[in-house]
């Protein structure tokens, strides 16, 4: 089993920044991709960004330039730097990890952008 511990969510004013972290532990085996998804109230879960073990990244088109994903392979940790946050970024953000065994999800961390 894989455990994912997320941190870094919270309340921020429009234009502000937050940095999310997700650390994976347990029966990790070899992780080949880590990423972040989000789900706003009444909407489907959507991809925010993902990064492969080799460092290739993929972003939602609407978030390019504001969000940056990074990782530390040695610590099995993925980060999401979110800048210039907007009210429409308000959502629960979920960490996602994929290895040769399967796919795993974190419990989610709330990000609220409001003045």
N, C-alpha and C. Protein backbone atom coordinates (compact mmCIF):
# COMPACT_ATOMS: atom_id res chain seq x y z
N UNK A 1 0.85 -1.19 0.00
CA UNK A 1 0.00 0.00 0.00
C UNK A 1 0.88 1.24 0.00
N UNK A 2 0.37 2.30 -0.60
CA UNK A 2 1.08 3.57 -0.68
C UNK A 2 0.32 4.61 0.11
N UNK A 3 1.03 5.35 0.94
CA UNK A 3 0.42 6.45 1.69
C UNK A 3 0.92 7.78 1.12
N UNK A 4 -0.01 8.70 0.97
CA UNK A 4 0.32 10.03 0.46
C UNK A 4 -0.09 11.06 1.50
N UNK A 5 0.84 11.93 1.87
CA UNK A 5 0.56 12.97 2.84
C UNK A 5 0.73 14.32 2.16
N UNK A 6 -0.38 15.05 2.08
CA UNK A 6 -0.40 16.35 1.43
C UNK A 6 -0.34 17.46 2.48
N UNK A 7 0.22 18.58 2.09
CA UNK A 7 0.24 19.75 2.96
C UNK A 7 0.36 21.00 2.11
N UNK A 8 0.04 22.13 2.74
CA UNK A 8 0.25 23.41 2.08
C UNK A 8 -1.00 24.15 1.64
N UNK A 9 -2.15 23.53 1.76
CA UNK A 9 -3.37 24.23 1.37
C UNK A 9 -3.74 25.29 2.38
N UNK A 10 -4.78 26.06 2.05
CA UNK A 10 -5.25 27.09 2.97
C UNK A 10 -5.99 28.18 2.26
N UNK A 11 -6.15 29.28 2.98
CA UNK A 11 -6.87 30.46 2.47
C UNK A 11 -5.85 31.50 2.03
N UNK A 12 -6.04 32.02 0.82
CA UNK A 12 -5.13 33.04 0.30
C UNK A 12 -5.94 34.07 -0.47
N UNK A 13 -5.47 35.29 -0.49
CA UNK A 13 -6.15 36.35 -1.22
C UNK A 13 -5.84 36.25 -2.71
N UNK A 14 -6.72 36.75 -3.54
CA UNK A 14 -6.43 36.76 -4.99
C UNK A 14 -5.10 37.43 -5.27
N UNK A 15 -4.33 36.82 -6.16
CA UNK A 15 -3.00 37.32 -6.47
C UNK A 15 -1.91 36.71 -5.62
N UNK A 16 -2.30 36.00 -4.59
CA UNK A 16 -1.31 35.39 -3.69
C UNK A 16 -0.77 34.07 -4.21
N UNK A 17 0.06 33.45 -3.38
CA UNK A 17 0.73 32.20 -3.76
C UNK A 17 0.58 31.16 -2.66
N UNK A 18 0.62 29.92 -3.08
CA UNK A 18 0.66 28.79 -2.16
C UNK A 18 1.57 27.72 -2.76
N UNK A 19 2.15 26.90 -1.89
CA UNK A 19 2.96 25.78 -2.34
C UNK A 19 2.45 24.51 -1.67
N UNK A 20 2.01 23.58 -2.50
CA UNK A 20 1.53 22.29 -2.01
C UNK A 20 2.65 21.27 -2.05
N UNK A 21 2.63 20.36 -1.07
CA UNK A 21 3.61 19.27 -1.04
C UNK A 21 2.88 17.95 -0.87
N UNK A 22 3.45 16.90 -1.43
CA UNK A 22 2.89 15.56 -1.28
C UNK A 22 4.03 14.58 -1.17
N UNK A 23 4.08 13.87 -0.05
CA UNK A 23 5.13 12.89 0.18
C UNK A 23 4.54 11.49 0.15
N UNK A 24 5.16 10.62 -0.62
CA UNK A 24 4.71 9.24 -0.75
C UNK A 24 5.57 8.32 0.09
N UNK A 25 4.93 7.33 0.73
CA UNK A 25 5.66 6.35 1.52
C UNK A 25 4.93 5.01 1.44
N UNK A 26 5.57 3.98 1.97
CA UNK A 26 4.96 2.66 1.93
C UNK A 26 5.54 1.81 0.82
N UNK A 27 4.69 0.98 0.24
CA UNK A 27 5.13 0.06 -0.82
C UNK A 27 5.19 0.80 -2.14
N UNK A 28 6.14 1.69 -2.24
CA UNK A 28 6.18 2.62 -3.37
C UNK A 28 6.61 1.93 -4.65
N UNK A 29 7.56 1.03 -4.57
CA UNK A 29 8.22 0.47 -5.74
C UNK A 29 8.77 1.63 -6.55
N UNK A 30 8.71 1.57 -7.82
CA UNK A 30 9.25 2.66 -8.63
C UNK A 30 8.12 3.54 -9.12
N UNK A 31 8.11 4.77 -8.63
CA UNK A 31 7.10 5.73 -9.08
C UNK A 31 7.49 6.25 -10.45
N UNK A 32 6.59 6.22 -11.39
CA UNK A 32 6.94 6.75 -12.70
C UNK A 32 6.21 8.05 -13.03
N UNK A 33 5.26 8.44 -12.20
CA UNK A 33 4.61 9.74 -12.40
C UNK A 33 3.96 10.21 -11.11
N UNK A 34 4.04 11.50 -10.88
CA UNK A 34 3.36 12.13 -9.75
C UNK A 34 2.66 13.37 -10.27
N UNK A 35 1.54 13.70 -9.65
CA UNK A 35 0.83 14.87 -10.16
C UNK A 35 -0.20 15.40 -9.20
N UNK A 36 -0.86 16.44 -9.65
CA UNK A 36 -1.92 17.09 -8.87
C UNK A 36 -3.17 17.22 -9.74
N UNK A 37 -4.29 16.94 -9.11
CA UNK A 37 -5.60 17.17 -9.70
C UNK A 37 -6.37 18.07 -8.75
N UNK A 38 -7.45 18.63 -9.25
CA UNK A 38 -8.30 19.44 -8.37
C UNK A 38 -9.76 19.22 -8.71
N UNK A 39 -10.59 19.46 -7.72
CA UNK A 39 -12.03 19.32 -7.91
C UNK A 39 -12.73 20.46 -7.19
N UNK A 40 -13.40 21.28 -7.96
CA UNK A 40 -14.19 22.37 -7.40
C UNK A 40 -15.61 21.88 -7.16
N UNK A 41 -16.35 22.54 -6.27
CA UNK A 41 -17.73 22.12 -5.99
C UNK A 41 -18.57 22.05 -7.26
N UNK A 42 -19.23 20.94 -7.45
CA UNK A 42 -20.11 20.77 -8.59
C UNK A 42 -19.42 20.50 -9.90
N UNK A 43 -18.10 20.32 -9.86
CA UNK A 43 -17.34 20.08 -11.09
C UNK A 43 -16.59 18.75 -11.01
N UNK A 44 -16.16 18.26 -12.17
CA UNK A 44 -15.39 17.03 -12.22
C UNK A 44 -13.94 17.29 -11.81
N UNK A 45 -13.30 16.24 -11.33
CA UNK A 45 -11.89 16.33 -11.02
C UNK A 45 -11.11 16.53 -12.32
N UNK A 46 -10.14 17.43 -12.28
CA UNK A 46 -9.37 17.73 -13.48
C UNK A 46 -7.88 17.74 -13.19
N UNK A 47 -7.11 17.45 -14.21
CA UNK A 47 -5.66 17.50 -14.08
C UNK A 47 -5.19 18.93 -13.91
N UNK A 48 -4.29 19.12 -12.95
CA UNK A 48 -3.61 20.41 -12.81
C UNK A 48 -2.24 20.32 -13.47
N UNK A 49 -1.43 19.36 -13.00
CA UNK A 49 -0.09 19.19 -13.55
C UNK A 49 0.42 17.82 -13.15
N UNK A 50 1.34 17.29 -13.96
CA UNK A 50 1.95 16.01 -13.65
C UNK A 50 3.41 16.03 -14.11
N UNK A 51 4.21 15.19 -13.46
CA UNK A 51 5.63 15.11 -13.80
C UNK A 51 6.05 13.65 -13.74
N UNK A 52 6.82 13.23 -14.74
CA UNK A 52 7.31 11.85 -14.75
C UNK A 52 8.62 11.77 -13.97
N UNK A 53 9.04 10.55 -13.71
CA UNK A 53 10.30 10.35 -12.99
C UNK A 53 11.46 10.98 -13.76
N UNK A 54 11.37 10.96 -15.06
CA UNK A 54 12.43 11.54 -15.90
C UNK A 54 12.37 13.06 -15.96
N UNK A 55 11.27 13.64 -15.46
CA UNK A 55 11.19 15.08 -15.42
C UNK A 55 10.29 15.73 -16.46
N UNK A 56 9.66 14.95 -17.29
CA UNK A 56 8.72 15.52 -18.26
C UNK A 56 7.47 16.00 -17.54
N UNK A 57 7.01 17.18 -17.92
CA UNK A 57 5.85 17.77 -17.25
C UNK A 57 4.68 17.95 -18.21
N UNK A 58 3.50 17.99 -17.61
CA UNK A 58 2.27 18.20 -18.36
C UNK A 58 1.38 19.09 -17.51
N UNK A 59 0.86 20.16 -18.10
CA UNK A 59 0.02 21.11 -17.39
C UNK A 59 -1.33 21.27 -18.09
N UNK A 60 -2.34 21.59 -17.29
CA UNK A 60 -3.59 22.04 -17.88
C UNK A 60 -3.30 23.34 -18.61
N UNK A 61 -3.79 23.46 -19.81
CA UNK A 61 -3.48 24.63 -20.64
C UNK A 61 -3.79 25.95 -19.92
N UNK A 62 -4.88 25.98 -19.19
CA UNK A 62 -5.32 27.23 -18.56
C UNK A 62 -4.43 27.65 -17.39
N UNK A 63 -3.57 26.73 -16.93
CA UNK A 63 -2.76 27.02 -15.75
C UNK A 63 -1.28 27.26 -16.08
N UNK A 64 -0.90 27.05 -17.33
CA UNK A 64 0.49 27.27 -17.72
C UNK A 64 0.91 28.71 -17.43
N UNK A 65 2.08 28.83 -16.84
CA UNK A 65 2.59 30.15 -16.53
C UNK A 65 2.32 30.60 -15.11
N UNK A 66 1.31 30.03 -14.47
CA UNK A 66 1.00 30.39 -13.09
C UNK A 66 1.37 29.28 -12.11
N UNK A 67 1.24 28.04 -12.55
CA UNK A 67 1.53 26.90 -11.67
C UNK A 67 2.79 26.19 -12.16
N UNK A 68 3.58 25.71 -11.21
CA UNK A 68 4.80 24.97 -11.54
C UNK A 68 4.88 23.71 -10.69
N UNK A 69 5.07 22.58 -11.34
CA UNK A 69 5.22 21.32 -10.63
C UNK A 69 6.70 20.96 -10.58
N UNK A 70 7.12 20.39 -9.46
CA UNK A 70 8.50 19.94 -9.31
C UNK A 70 8.50 18.71 -8.40
N UNK A 71 9.67 18.06 -8.29
CA UNK A 71 9.71 16.83 -7.51
C UNK A 71 11.10 16.61 -6.93
N UNK A 72 11.15 15.76 -5.93
CA UNK A 72 12.40 15.26 -5.37
C UNK A 72 12.29 13.74 -5.39
N UNK A 73 12.91 13.11 -6.37
CA UNK A 73 12.81 11.66 -6.51
C UNK A 73 13.29 10.93 -5.26
N UNK A 74 14.39 11.41 -4.69
CA UNK A 74 14.98 10.72 -3.55
C UNK A 74 14.03 10.70 -2.35
N UNK A 75 13.16 11.69 -2.27
CA UNK A 75 12.22 11.78 -1.15
C UNK A 75 10.81 11.41 -1.57
N UNK A 76 10.64 10.98 -2.83
CA UNK A 76 9.31 10.62 -3.33
C UNK A 76 8.29 11.72 -3.01
N UNK A 77 8.68 12.93 -3.29
CA UNK A 77 7.87 14.09 -2.96
C UNK A 77 7.64 14.94 -4.22
N UNK A 78 6.42 15.42 -4.33
CA UNK A 78 6.08 16.31 -5.44
C UNK A 78 5.52 17.61 -4.87
N UNK A 79 5.82 18.70 -5.56
CA UNK A 79 5.40 20.03 -5.12
C UNK A 79 4.59 20.70 -6.23
N UNK A 80 3.73 21.61 -5.80
CA UNK A 80 3.00 22.44 -6.76
C UNK A 80 3.07 23.88 -6.27
N UNK A 81 3.81 24.70 -6.99
CA UNK A 81 3.89 26.12 -6.69
C UNK A 81 2.79 26.83 -7.46
N UNK A 82 1.92 27.51 -6.75
CA UNK A 82 0.79 28.20 -7.37
C UNK A 82 0.91 29.70 -7.14
N UNK A 83 1.04 30.45 -8.22
CA UNK A 83 1.19 31.90 -8.14
C UNK A 83 0.00 32.60 -8.81
N UNK A 84 -0.14 33.86 -8.50
CA UNK A 84 -1.22 34.68 -9.09
C UNK A 84 -2.56 33.97 -8.98
N UNK A 85 -2.85 33.48 -7.80
CA UNK A 85 -4.06 32.69 -7.61
C UNK A 85 -5.32 33.51 -7.82
N UNK A 86 -6.33 32.86 -8.37
CA UNK A 86 -7.62 33.49 -8.68
C UNK A 86 -8.72 32.77 -7.92
N UNK A 87 -9.84 33.44 -7.70
CA UNK A 87 -10.96 32.77 -7.01
C UNK A 87 -11.37 31.46 -7.69
N UNK A 88 -11.25 31.39 -9.00
CA UNK A 88 -11.64 30.16 -9.71
C UNK A 88 -10.66 29.01 -9.49
N UNK A 89 -9.54 29.28 -8.82
CA UNK A 89 -8.62 28.19 -8.44
C UNK A 89 -9.06 27.49 -7.16
N UNK A 90 -10.09 28.02 -6.52
CA UNK A 90 -10.61 27.40 -5.31
C UNK A 90 -11.10 25.99 -5.59
N UNK A 91 -10.56 25.03 -4.85
CA UNK A 91 -10.89 23.62 -5.07
C UNK A 91 -10.18 22.78 -4.02
N UNK A 92 -10.53 21.51 -3.98
CA UNK A 92 -9.75 20.53 -3.23
C UNK A 92 -8.70 19.99 -4.20
N UNK A 93 -7.45 20.04 -3.79
CA UNK A 93 -6.34 19.59 -4.62
C UNK A 93 -5.88 18.21 -4.13
N UNK A 94 -5.79 17.29 -5.06
CA UNK A 94 -5.44 15.91 -4.75
C UNK A 94 -4.09 15.53 -5.37
N UNK A 95 -3.28 14.90 -4.57
CA UNK A 95 -2.03 14.34 -5.06
C UNK A 95 -2.32 12.99 -5.72
N UNK A 96 -1.61 12.70 -6.80
CA UNK A 96 -1.78 11.44 -7.52
C UNK A 96 -0.41 10.84 -7.81
N UNK A 97 -0.29 9.56 -7.53
CA UNK A 97 0.98 8.86 -7.77
C UNK A 97 0.69 7.58 -8.54
N UNK A 98 1.55 7.32 -9.52
CA UNK A 98 1.41 6.09 -10.31
C UNK A 98 2.73 5.31 -10.28
N UNK A 99 2.59 4.01 -10.00
CA UNK A 99 3.75 3.14 -10.11
C UNK A 99 3.36 1.91 -10.90
N UNK A 100 4.22 0.92 -10.92
CA UNK A 100 3.95 -0.26 -11.73
C UNK A 100 2.78 -1.09 -11.20
N UNK A 101 2.42 -0.84 -9.93
CA UNK A 101 1.34 -1.60 -9.31
C UNK A 101 -0.01 -0.96 -9.58
N UNK A 102 -0.07 0.34 -9.49
CA UNK A 102 -1.35 1.00 -9.67
C UNK A 102 -1.28 2.50 -9.51
N UNK A 103 -2.42 3.07 -9.14
CA UNK A 103 -2.57 4.51 -9.00
C UNK A 103 -3.10 4.81 -7.61
N UNK A 104 -2.58 5.88 -7.00
CA UNK A 104 -2.94 6.20 -5.62
C UNK A 104 -3.29 7.68 -5.51
N UNK A 105 -4.19 7.96 -4.56
CA UNK A 105 -4.66 9.33 -4.36
C UNK A 105 -4.46 9.76 -2.92
N UNK A 106 -4.13 11.03 -2.73
CA UNK A 106 -4.09 11.61 -1.41
C UNK A 106 -5.49 11.94 -0.93
N UNK A 107 -5.58 12.41 0.31
CA UNK A 107 -6.89 12.70 0.90
C UNK A 107 -7.44 14.04 0.44
N UNK A 108 -6.57 14.85 -0.16
CA UNK A 108 -7.00 16.15 -0.65
C UNK A 108 -6.69 17.26 0.34
N UNK A 109 -6.36 18.42 -0.20
CA UNK A 109 -6.12 19.60 0.63
C UNK A 109 -6.88 20.78 0.02
N UNK A 110 -7.58 21.50 0.88
CA UNK A 110 -8.43 22.59 0.42
C UNK A 110 -7.61 23.84 0.12
N UNK A 111 -7.84 24.40 -1.05
CA UNK A 111 -7.27 25.70 -1.41
C UNK A 111 -8.44 26.65 -1.66
N UNK A 112 -8.47 27.74 -0.92
CA UNK A 112 -9.53 28.73 -1.07
C UNK A 112 -8.91 30.08 -1.38
N UNK A 113 -9.32 30.65 -2.50
CA UNK A 113 -8.81 31.96 -2.91
C UNK A 113 -9.95 32.95 -2.78
N UNK A 114 -9.81 33.85 -1.81
CA UNK A 114 -10.90 34.78 -1.52
C UNK A 114 -10.36 35.99 -0.77
N UNK A 115 -11.00 37.12 -1.02
CA UNK A 115 -10.62 38.33 -0.29
C UNK A 115 -11.51 38.50 0.94
